[in-house]
Amino acid sequence: MSGELIELKAGRMGGQDVFVIDAREVYRRLGVRRHFKSWIKGRIEEHGFEEGQDFEVLPLEGINPQGVRPTIEYNLTIIMARDLSMIESSQAAIDFRRDLMARMDAVLKAPVKLDYDLIIELATKPKIKAEERGRLEARLDADALDHTGRDRPVPKGREPYGV
């Protein structure tokens, strides 16, 4: 499994934009032998992970493949996924942690993509309605990710040099 691309998704926790990873993916990659439900609940309790800060419980949708109760899904922050990989003591956990850190390095080193057409539109149309201006500025904020590993947007006026 080592070397397999880890899928990161954009999410929001604790009022911050963060990268999240599916808990079942972490569970599978760590090679845990316990049942998923008992493993994730046990780790959350044992190590004091907090909902809304370290993980989120996704809304129940549909029924699981066995036709009984819907499955409960979790999204984890990168930090929680890393911590879980440190808790599990196996070669699979070591491999996962290395793959996760390599993936994060690649994401953090990726060039920041700014929408220059949007910047020009905001600069040249000062009479844009307040609602529209707010929507356009939110798009710019979403594009200007902080590449320092803090998983949050760059505050206005604090953009990195050369941008």
N, C-alpha and C. Protein backbone atom coordinates (compact mmCIF):
# COMPACT_ATOMS: atom_id res chain seq x y z
N MET A 1 0.81 -1.20 0.00
CA MET A 1 0.00 0.00 0.00
C MET A 1 0.86 1.26 0.00
N SER A 2 2.08 1.17 0.48
CA SER A 2 2.94 2.35 0.52
C SER A 2 3.11 2.93 -0.88
N GLY A 3 3.12 4.24 -0.95
CA GLY A 3 3.26 4.90 -2.24
C GLY A 3 1.93 5.20 -2.90
N GLU A 4 0.85 4.64 -2.40
CA GLU A 4 -0.49 4.91 -2.94
C GLU A 4 -0.87 6.34 -2.58
N LEU A 5 -1.40 7.08 -3.53
CA LEU A 5 -1.74 8.48 -3.32
C LEU A 5 -2.83 8.61 -2.26
N ILE A 6 -2.61 9.47 -1.30
CA ILE A 6 -3.58 9.73 -0.24
C ILE A 6 -4.48 10.86 -0.72
N GLU A 7 -5.78 10.63 -0.70
CA GLU A 7 -6.73 11.63 -1.17
C GLU A 7 -7.04 12.63 -0.06
N LEU A 8 -6.68 13.87 -0.31
CA LEU A 8 -7.01 14.95 0.61
C LEU A 8 -8.16 15.74 0.03
N LYS A 9 -9.07 16.17 0.91
CA LYS A 9 -10.21 16.97 0.47
C LYS A 9 -10.20 18.28 1.24
N ALA A 10 -10.79 19.29 0.65
CA ALA A 10 -10.94 20.56 1.36
C ALA A 10 -12.09 20.42 2.33
N GLY A 11 -11.90 20.93 3.51
CA GLY A 11 -12.95 20.89 4.52
C GLY A 11 -12.88 22.12 5.40
N ARG A 12 -13.76 22.16 6.38
CA ARG A 12 -13.78 23.29 7.31
C ARG A 12 -14.03 22.76 8.70
N MET A 13 -13.11 23.07 9.61
CA MET A 13 -13.27 22.66 11.01
C MET A 13 -12.77 23.77 11.92
N GLY A 14 -13.48 23.96 13.01
CA GLY A 14 -13.07 24.98 13.96
C GLY A 14 -13.00 26.36 13.34
N GLY A 15 -13.85 26.62 12.33
CA GLY A 15 -13.87 27.91 11.67
C GLY A 15 -12.70 28.13 10.73
N GLN A 16 -11.92 27.09 10.45
CA GLN A 16 -10.75 27.20 9.58
C GLN A 16 -10.92 26.30 8.35
N ASP A 17 -10.36 26.74 7.23
CA ASP A 17 -10.29 25.89 6.05
C ASP A 17 -9.13 24.93 6.26
N VAL A 18 -9.40 23.64 6.13
CA VAL A 18 -8.37 22.63 6.37
C VAL A 18 -8.44 21.54 5.30
N PHE A 19 -7.39 20.76 5.23
CA PHE A 19 -7.43 19.55 4.43
C PHE A 19 -7.91 18.44 5.34
N VAL A 20 -8.79 17.59 4.82
CA VAL A 20 -9.30 16.46 5.60
C VAL A 20 -9.07 15.17 4.82
N ILE A 21 -9.12 14.08 5.55
CA ILE A 21 -8.95 12.76 4.96
C ILE A 21 -10.02 11.86 5.56
N ASP A 22 -10.55 10.98 4.76
CA ASP A 22 -11.59 10.05 5.19
C ASP A 22 -11.04 9.10 6.25
N ALA A 23 -11.74 8.95 7.36
CA ALA A 23 -11.28 8.09 8.46
C ALA A 23 -11.18 6.63 8.02
N ARG A 24 -12.08 6.19 7.15
CA ARG A 24 -11.99 4.78 6.70
C ARG A 24 -10.75 4.54 5.86
N GLU A 25 -10.31 5.57 5.13
CA GLU A 25 -9.08 5.47 4.37
C GLU A 25 -7.88 5.32 5.32
N VAL A 26 -7.88 6.12 6.39
CA VAL A 26 -6.81 6.03 7.39
C VAL A 26 -6.83 4.64 8.01
N TYR A 27 -8.00 4.18 8.40
CA TYR A 27 -8.19 2.85 9.01
C TYR A 27 -7.65 1.75 8.08
N ARG A 28 -8.01 1.83 6.82
CA ARG A 28 -7.57 0.82 5.85
C ARG A 28 -6.06 0.87 5.66
N ARG A 29 -5.53 2.07 5.53
CA ARG A 29 -4.09 2.22 5.28
C ARG A 29 -3.25 1.82 6.50
N LEU A 30 -3.80 1.99 7.70
CA LEU A 30 -3.07 1.61 8.91
C LEU A 30 -3.10 0.11 9.16
N GLY A 31 -3.98 -0.59 8.46
CA GLY A 31 -4.07 -2.04 8.62
C GLY A 31 -4.62 -2.47 9.97
N VAL A 32 -5.53 -1.68 10.51
CA VAL A 32 -6.12 -1.98 11.82
C VAL A 32 -6.99 -3.22 11.70
N ARG A 33 -6.91 -4.08 12.70
CA ARG A 33 -7.68 -5.33 12.65
C ARG A 33 -9.00 -5.24 13.43
N ARG A 34 -9.15 -4.25 14.28
CA ARG A 34 -10.41 -4.08 15.02
C ARG A 34 -11.48 -3.58 14.07
N HIS A 35 -12.73 -3.75 14.46
CA HIS A 35 -13.86 -3.23 13.70
C HIS A 35 -13.75 -1.70 13.66
N PHE A 36 -14.04 -1.10 12.51
CA PHE A 36 -13.87 0.34 12.33
C PHE A 36 -14.57 1.15 13.41
N LYS A 37 -15.83 0.85 13.66
CA LYS A 37 -16.63 1.63 14.61
C LYS A 37 -15.99 1.65 16.00
N SER A 38 -15.58 0.48 16.48
CA SER A 38 -14.98 0.44 17.81
C SER A 38 -13.59 1.07 17.82
N TRP A 39 -12.85 0.92 16.72
CA TRP A 39 -11.52 1.50 16.65
C TRP A 39 -11.59 3.03 16.70
N ILE A 40 -12.41 3.65 15.85
CA ILE A 40 -12.45 5.11 15.78
C ILE A 40 -13.00 5.70 17.07
N LYS A 41 -14.07 5.12 17.60
CA LYS A 41 -14.63 5.64 18.85
C LYS A 41 -13.64 5.48 20.00
N GLY A 42 -12.96 4.34 20.04
CA GLY A 42 -11.97 4.10 21.09
C GLY A 42 -10.81 5.09 21.03
N ARG A 43 -10.30 5.33 19.83
CA ARG A 43 -9.18 6.27 19.68
C ARG A 43 -9.59 7.68 20.04
N ILE A 44 -10.80 8.07 19.67
CA ILE A 44 -11.29 9.41 20.00
C ILE A 44 -11.36 9.58 21.51
N GLU A 45 -11.91 8.61 22.20
CA GLU A 45 -12.04 8.67 23.66
C GLU A 45 -10.68 8.61 24.35
N GLU A 46 -9.85 7.64 23.96
CA GLU A 46 -8.55 7.43 24.61
C GLU A 46 -7.61 8.62 24.50
N HIS A 47 -7.67 9.31 23.39
CA HIS A 47 -6.67 10.35 23.13
C HIS A 47 -7.24 11.76 23.11
N GLY A 48 -8.52 11.92 23.47
CA GLY A 48 -9.10 13.24 23.64
C GLY A 48 -9.27 14.06 22.38
N PHE A 49 -9.46 13.40 21.24
CA PHE A 49 -9.73 14.15 20.02
C PHE A 49 -11.09 14.82 20.15
N GLU A 50 -11.21 16.03 19.60
CA GLU A 50 -12.44 16.80 19.76
C GLU A 50 -13.17 16.97 18.43
N GLU A 51 -14.48 16.69 18.48
CA GLU A 51 -15.31 16.89 17.28
C GLU A 51 -15.35 18.38 16.94
N GLY A 52 -15.25 18.67 15.65
CA GLY A 52 -15.25 20.06 15.20
C GLY A 52 -13.86 20.67 15.18
N GLN A 53 -12.92 20.07 15.91
CA GLN A 53 -11.55 20.56 15.93
C GLN A 53 -10.60 19.57 15.24
N ASP A 54 -10.74 18.28 15.58
CA ASP A 54 -9.87 17.23 15.03
C ASP A 54 -10.58 16.36 13.99
N PHE A 55 -11.88 16.27 14.10
CA PHE A 55 -12.66 15.43 13.19
C PHE A 55 -14.08 15.96 13.09
N GLU A 56 -14.78 15.47 12.07
CA GLU A 56 -16.21 15.78 11.94
C GLU A 56 -16.94 14.49 11.61
N VAL A 57 -18.13 14.39 12.15
CA VAL A 57 -18.99 13.26 11.85
C VAL A 57 -19.89 13.70 10.70
N LEU A 58 -19.88 12.95 9.63
CA LEU A 58 -20.66 13.32 8.45
C LEU A 58 -22.11 12.86 8.62
N PRO A 59 -23.03 13.60 8.03
CA PRO A 59 -24.44 13.22 8.13
C PRO A 59 -24.68 11.82 7.56
N LEU A 60 -25.58 11.11 8.20
CA LEU A 60 -25.93 9.78 7.72
C LEU A 60 -26.69 9.87 6.41
N GLU A 61 -26.30 9.07 5.45
CA GLU A 61 -26.99 9.08 4.15
C GLU A 61 -27.26 7.65 3.71
N GLY A 62 -28.49 7.38 3.36
CA GLY A 62 -28.84 6.07 2.82
C GLY A 62 -28.64 4.95 3.81
N ILE A 63 -28.46 3.75 3.29
CA ILE A 63 -28.23 2.58 4.14
C ILE A 63 -26.89 1.95 3.74
N ASN A 64 -26.31 1.22 4.66
CA ASN A 64 -25.03 0.61 4.32
C ASN A 64 -25.27 -0.61 3.42
N PRO A 65 -24.23 -1.18 2.83
CA PRO A 65 -24.40 -2.28 1.87
C PRO A 65 -25.12 -3.51 2.43
N GLN A 66 -25.06 -3.71 3.74
CA GLN A 66 -25.76 -4.86 4.32
C GLN A 66 -27.25 -4.60 4.52
N GLY A 67 -27.70 -3.39 4.27
CA GLY A 67 -29.12 -3.07 4.33
C GLY A 67 -29.63 -2.75 5.72
N VAL A 68 -28.75 -2.53 6.68
CA VAL A 68 -29.20 -2.19 8.04
C VAL A 68 -28.99 -0.70 8.27
N ARG A 69 -28.66 -0.32 9.49
CA ARG A 69 -28.49 1.09 9.81
C ARG A 69 -27.46 1.77 8.92
N PRO A 70 -27.63 3.07 8.67
CA PRO A 70 -26.63 3.80 7.88
C PRO A 70 -25.27 3.79 8.59
N THR A 71 -24.22 3.78 7.81
CA THR A 71 -22.89 3.82 8.40
C THR A 71 -22.56 5.26 8.80
N ILE A 72 -21.76 5.39 9.84
CA ILE A 72 -21.31 6.71 10.28
C ILE A 72 -19.93 6.93 9.68
N GLU A 73 -19.77 8.06 9.03
CA GLU A 73 -18.50 8.39 8.38
C GLU A 73 -17.86 9.57 9.10
N TYR A 74 -16.54 9.62 9.06
CA TYR A 74 -15.79 10.67 9.72
C TYR A 74 -14.78 11.27 8.74
N ASN A 75 -14.58 12.57 8.83
CA ASN A 75 -13.45 13.23 8.18
C ASN A 75 -12.49 13.63 9.28
N LEU A 76 -11.20 13.41 9.05
CA LEU A 76 -10.17 13.72 10.04
C LEU A 76 -9.27 14.83 9.51
N THR A 77 -8.78 15.65 10.41
CA THR A 77 -7.76 16.60 10.00
C THR A 77 -6.47 15.83 9.73
N ILE A 78 -5.56 16.45 9.00
CA ILE A 78 -4.28 15.83 8.71
C ILE A 78 -3.54 15.55 10.01
N ILE A 79 -3.65 16.45 10.97
CA ILE A 79 -2.96 16.27 12.25
C ILE A 79 -3.50 15.05 12.98
N MET A 80 -4.82 14.86 12.99
CA MET A 80 -5.39 13.69 13.66
C MET A 80 -4.97 12.42 12.94
N ALA A 81 -4.98 12.44 11.61
CA ALA A 81 -4.55 11.25 10.85
C ALA A 81 -3.10 10.91 11.18
N ARG A 82 -2.26 11.93 11.25
CA ARG A 82 -0.86 11.70 11.61
C ARG A 82 -0.75 11.14 13.02
N ASP A 83 -1.51 11.71 13.96
CA ASP A 83 -1.47 11.23 15.33
C ASP A 83 -1.92 9.78 15.42
N LEU A 84 -2.97 9.42 14.69
CA LEU A 84 -3.43 8.03 14.70
C LEU A 84 -2.36 7.10 14.16
N SER A 85 -1.63 7.55 13.15
CA SER A 85 -0.57 6.71 12.59
C SER A 85 0.58 6.55 13.58
N MET A 86 0.77 7.52 14.46
CA MET A 86 1.81 7.41 15.48
C MET A 86 1.37 6.49 16.62
N ILE A 87 0.07 6.44 16.87
CA ILE A 87 -0.48 5.60 17.94
C ILE A 87 -0.38 4.12 17.56
N GLU A 88 -0.73 3.81 16.30
CA GLU A 88 -0.67 2.43 15.83
C GLU A 88 0.80 2.05 15.64
N SER A 89 1.18 0.93 16.15
CA SER A 89 2.60 0.53 16.03
C SER A 89 2.71 -0.63 15.04
N SER A 90 2.82 -0.26 13.78
CA SER A 90 2.98 -1.27 12.73
C SER A 90 3.74 -0.66 11.57
N GLN A 91 4.26 -1.50 10.72
CA GLN A 91 4.96 -1.01 9.53
C GLN A 91 3.99 -0.25 8.62
N ALA A 92 2.74 -0.72 8.55
CA ALA A 92 1.75 -0.04 7.73
C ALA A 92 1.53 1.39 8.22
N ALA A 93 1.54 1.58 9.55
CA ALA A 93 1.37 2.92 10.11
C ALA A 93 2.55 3.82 9.77
N ILE A 94 3.75 3.27 9.83
CA ILE A 94 4.95 4.03 9.48
C ILE A 94 4.90 4.43 8.01
N ASP A 95 4.53 3.49 7.15
CA ASP A 95 4.43 3.77 5.71
C ASP A 95 3.37 4.83 5.43
N PHE A 96 2.23 4.72 6.10
CA PHE A 96 1.15 5.69 5.92
C PHE A 96 1.62 7.08 6.33
N ARG A 97 2.26 7.17 7.48
CA ARG A 97 2.72 8.48 7.97
C ARG A 97 3.72 9.10 6.99
N ARG A 98 4.62 8.30 6.45
CA ARG A 98 5.58 8.82 5.47
C ARG A 98 4.85 9.30 4.20
N ASP A 99 3.89 8.50 3.73
CA ASP A 99 3.12 8.89 2.54
C ASP A 99 2.31 10.17 2.80
N LEU A 100 1.74 10.27 3.99
CA LEU A 100 0.94 11.45 4.35
C LEU A 100 1.82 12.69 4.39
N MET A 101 2.98 12.59 5.00
CA MET A 101 3.88 13.74 5.09
C MET A 101 4.41 14.13 3.71
N ALA A 102 4.69 13.14 2.87
CA ALA A 102 5.14 13.44 1.50
C ALA A 102 4.03 14.14 0.73
N ARG A 103 2.80 13.70 0.91
CA ARG A 103 1.65 14.33 0.23
C ARG A 103 1.48 15.77 0.69
N MET A 104 1.62 15.99 1.99
CA MET A 104 1.49 17.35 2.52
C MET A 104 2.62 18.23 2.02
N ASP A 105 3.84 17.71 1.95
CA ASP A 105 4.96 18.48 1.40
C ASP A 105 4.65 18.92 -0.03
N ALA A 106 4.11 17.99 -0.82
CA ALA A 106 3.78 18.30 -2.22
C ALA A 106 2.71 19.38 -2.29
N VAL A 107 1.71 19.30 -1.43
CA VAL A 107 0.63 20.29 -1.42
C VAL A 107 1.18 21.66 -0.99
N LEU A 108 2.00 21.67 0.03
CA LEU A 108 2.51 22.93 0.55
C LEU A 108 3.52 23.59 -0.40
N LYS A 109 4.19 22.80 -1.21
CA LYS A 109 5.16 23.35 -2.15
C LYS A 109 4.52 23.74 -3.49
N ALA A 110 3.26 23.38 -3.66
CA ALA A 110 2.57 23.72 -4.91
C ALA A 110 2.45 25.24 -5.01
N PRO A 111 2.60 25.76 -6.21
CA PRO A 111 2.49 27.22 -6.36
C PRO A 111 1.07 27.68 -6.05
N VAL A 112 0.99 28.87 -5.47
CA VAL A 112 -0.31 29.46 -5.18
C VAL A 112 -0.91 29.93 -6.49
N LYS A 113 -2.15 29.51 -6.75
CA LYS A 113 -2.83 29.90 -7.99
C LYS A 113 -3.79 31.04 -7.66
N LEU A 114 -3.50 32.19 -8.20
CA LEU A 114 -4.40 33.33 -8.02
C LEU A 114 -5.16 33.57 -9.31
N ASP A 115 -6.38 33.97 -9.19
CA ASP A 115 -7.23 34.26 -10.34
C ASP A 115 -7.04 35.73 -10.71
N TYR A 116 -6.09 35.99 -11.63
CA TYR A 116 -5.76 37.37 -11.99
C TYR A 116 -6.92 38.08 -12.67
N ASP A 117 -7.75 37.36 -13.42
CA ASP A 117 -8.92 38.00 -14.03
C ASP A 117 -9.85 38.53 -12.95
N LEU A 118 -9.99 37.77 -11.88
CA LEU A 118 -10.85 38.18 -10.77
C LEU A 118 -10.26 39.40 -10.06
N ILE A 119 -8.95 39.42 -9.88
CA ILE A 119 -8.29 40.56 -9.25
C ILE A 119 -8.52 41.82 -10.09
N ILE A 120 -8.34 41.70 -11.40
CA ILE A 120 -8.56 42.84 -12.29
C ILE A 120 -10.00 43.30 -12.23
N GLU A 121 -10.93 42.35 -12.22
CA GLU A 121 -12.36 42.70 -12.14
C GLU A 121 -12.65 43.49 -10.86
N LEU A 122 -12.11 43.06 -9.75
CA LEU A 122 -12.33 43.78 -8.49
C LEU A 122 -11.69 45.16 -8.51
N ALA A 123 -10.50 45.25 -9.11
CA ALA A 123 -9.78 46.53 -9.13
C ALA A 123 -10.40 47.53 -10.10
N THR A 124 -10.97 47.07 -11.19
CA THR A 124 -11.46 47.98 -12.23
C THR A 124 -12.94 48.30 -12.13
N LYS A 125 -13.65 47.61 -11.29
CA LYS A 125 -15.09 47.86 -11.15
C LYS A 125 -15.40 48.23 -9.70
N PRO A 126 -15.06 49.46 -9.31
CA PRO A 126 -15.25 49.83 -7.91
C PRO A 126 -16.72 49.92 -7.49
N LYS A 127 -17.62 49.98 -8.45
CA LYS A 127 -19.04 50.13 -8.10
C LYS A 127 -19.79 48.81 -8.10
N ILE A 128 -19.07 47.70 -7.94
CA ILE A 128 -19.72 46.40 -7.83
C ILE A 128 -20.54 46.40 -6.54
N LYS A 129 -21.72 45.83 -6.61
CA LYS A 129 -22.57 45.74 -5.42
C LYS A 129 -21.81 45.05 -4.29
N ALA A 130 -22.10 45.44 -3.07
CA ALA A 130 -21.40 44.90 -1.90
C ALA A 130 -21.49 43.38 -1.83
N GLU A 131 -22.67 42.82 -2.14
CA GLU A 131 -22.84 41.36 -2.12
C GLU A 131 -21.91 40.69 -3.12
N GLU A 132 -21.89 41.22 -4.34
CA GLU A 132 -21.05 40.65 -5.39
C GLU A 132 -19.57 40.79 -5.04
N ARG A 133 -19.18 41.94 -4.51
CA ARG A 133 -17.79 42.16 -4.12
C ARG A 133 -17.40 41.14 -3.04
N GLY A 134 -18.26 40.94 -2.05
CA GLY A 134 -17.98 39.96 -0.99
C GLY A 134 -17.82 38.56 -1.54
N ARG A 135 -18.67 38.19 -2.49
CA ARG A 135 -18.58 36.86 -3.10
C ARG A 135 -17.27 36.70 -3.86
N LEU A 136 -16.90 37.74 -4.63
CA LEU A 136 -15.66 37.68 -5.40
C LEU A 136 -14.43 37.65 -4.49
N GLU A 137 -14.45 38.44 -3.41
CA GLU A 137 -13.34 38.45 -2.47
C GLU A 137 -13.22 37.11 -1.75
N ALA A 138 -14.35 36.46 -1.47
CA ALA A 138 -14.33 35.14 -0.85
C ALA A 138 -13.67 34.13 -1.78
N ARG A 139 -13.94 34.25 -3.10
CA ARG A 139 -13.28 33.37 -4.07
C ARG A 139 -11.78 33.57 -4.06
N LEU A 140 -11.33 34.82 -3.97
CA LEU A 140 -9.90 35.10 -3.90
C LEU A 140 -9.30 34.52 -2.63
N ASP A 141 -9.97 34.70 -1.50
CA ASP A 141 -9.47 34.16 -0.24
C ASP A 141 -9.34 32.64 -0.31
N ALA A 142 -10.29 31.99 -0.95
CA ALA A 142 -10.24 30.52 -1.07
C ALA A 142 -9.07 30.09 -1.94
N ASP A 143 -8.69 30.92 -2.92
CA ASP A 143 -7.57 30.58 -3.79
C ASP A 143 -6.23 30.83 -3.14
N ALA A 144 -6.16 31.75 -2.19
CA ALA A 144 -4.89 32.13 -1.57
C ALA A 144 -4.66 31.31 -0.30
N LEU A 145 -4.33 30.03 -0.47
CA LEU A 145 -4.11 29.16 0.69
C LEU A 145 -2.78 29.49 1.35
N ASP A 146 -2.75 29.36 2.65
CA ASP A 146 -1.53 29.54 3.41
C ASP A 146 -0.69 28.29 3.23
N HIS A 147 0.48 28.40 2.65
CA HIS A 147 1.33 27.25 2.38
C HIS A 147 2.38 27.05 3.46
N THR A 148 2.05 27.39 4.70
CA THR A 148 2.98 27.19 5.80
C THR A 148 2.63 25.97 6.61
N GLY A 149 1.59 25.24 6.23
CA GLY A 149 1.19 24.05 6.97
C GLY A 149 0.12 24.31 7.99
N ARG A 150 -0.37 25.55 8.07
CA ARG A 150 -1.38 25.86 9.07
C ARG A 150 -2.79 25.62 8.58
N ASP A 151 -2.96 25.23 7.34
CA ASP A 151 -4.26 24.90 6.77
C ASP A 151 -5.30 26.01 6.96
N ARG A 152 -4.94 27.24 6.61
CA ARG A 152 -5.92 28.30 6.69
C ARG A 152 -5.60 29.37 5.66
N PRO A 153 -6.58 30.20 5.31
CA PRO A 153 -6.35 31.23 4.30
C PRO A 153 -5.34 32.26 4.81
N VAL A 154 -4.66 32.89 3.89
CA VAL A 154 -3.73 33.96 4.22
C VAL A 154 -4.54 35.21 4.54
N PRO A 155 -4.31 35.83 5.69
CA PRO A 155 -5.04 37.07 5.99
C PRO A 155 -4.71 38.15 4.98
N LYS A 156 -5.67 39.01 4.69
CA LYS A 156 -5.44 40.09 3.74
C LYS A 156 -4.30 40.97 4.24
N GLY A 157 -3.44 41.36 3.30
CA GLY A 157 -2.30 42.19 3.64
C GLY A 157 -1.10 41.40 4.14
N ARG A 158 -1.22 40.07 4.25
CA ARG A 158 -0.13 39.24 4.76
C ARG A 158 0.30 38.21 3.72
N GLU A 159 0.12 38.52 2.43
CA GLU A 159 0.44 37.60 1.37
C GLU A 159 1.94 37.35 1.35
N PRO A 160 2.37 36.14 0.92
CA PRO A 160 3.81 35.86 0.85
C PRO A 160 4.48 36.74 -0.19
N TYR A 161 5.78 36.97 -0.04
CA TYR A 161 6.54 37.77 -0.99
C TYR A 161 6.45 37.16 -2.38
N GLY A 162 6.43 38.01 -3.39
CA GLY A 162 6.44 37.54 -4.76
C GLY A 162 5.07 37.20 -5.32
N VAL A 163 4.03 37.42 -4.53
CA VAL A 163 2.68 37.12 -5.01
C VAL A 163 2.01 38.39 -5.46
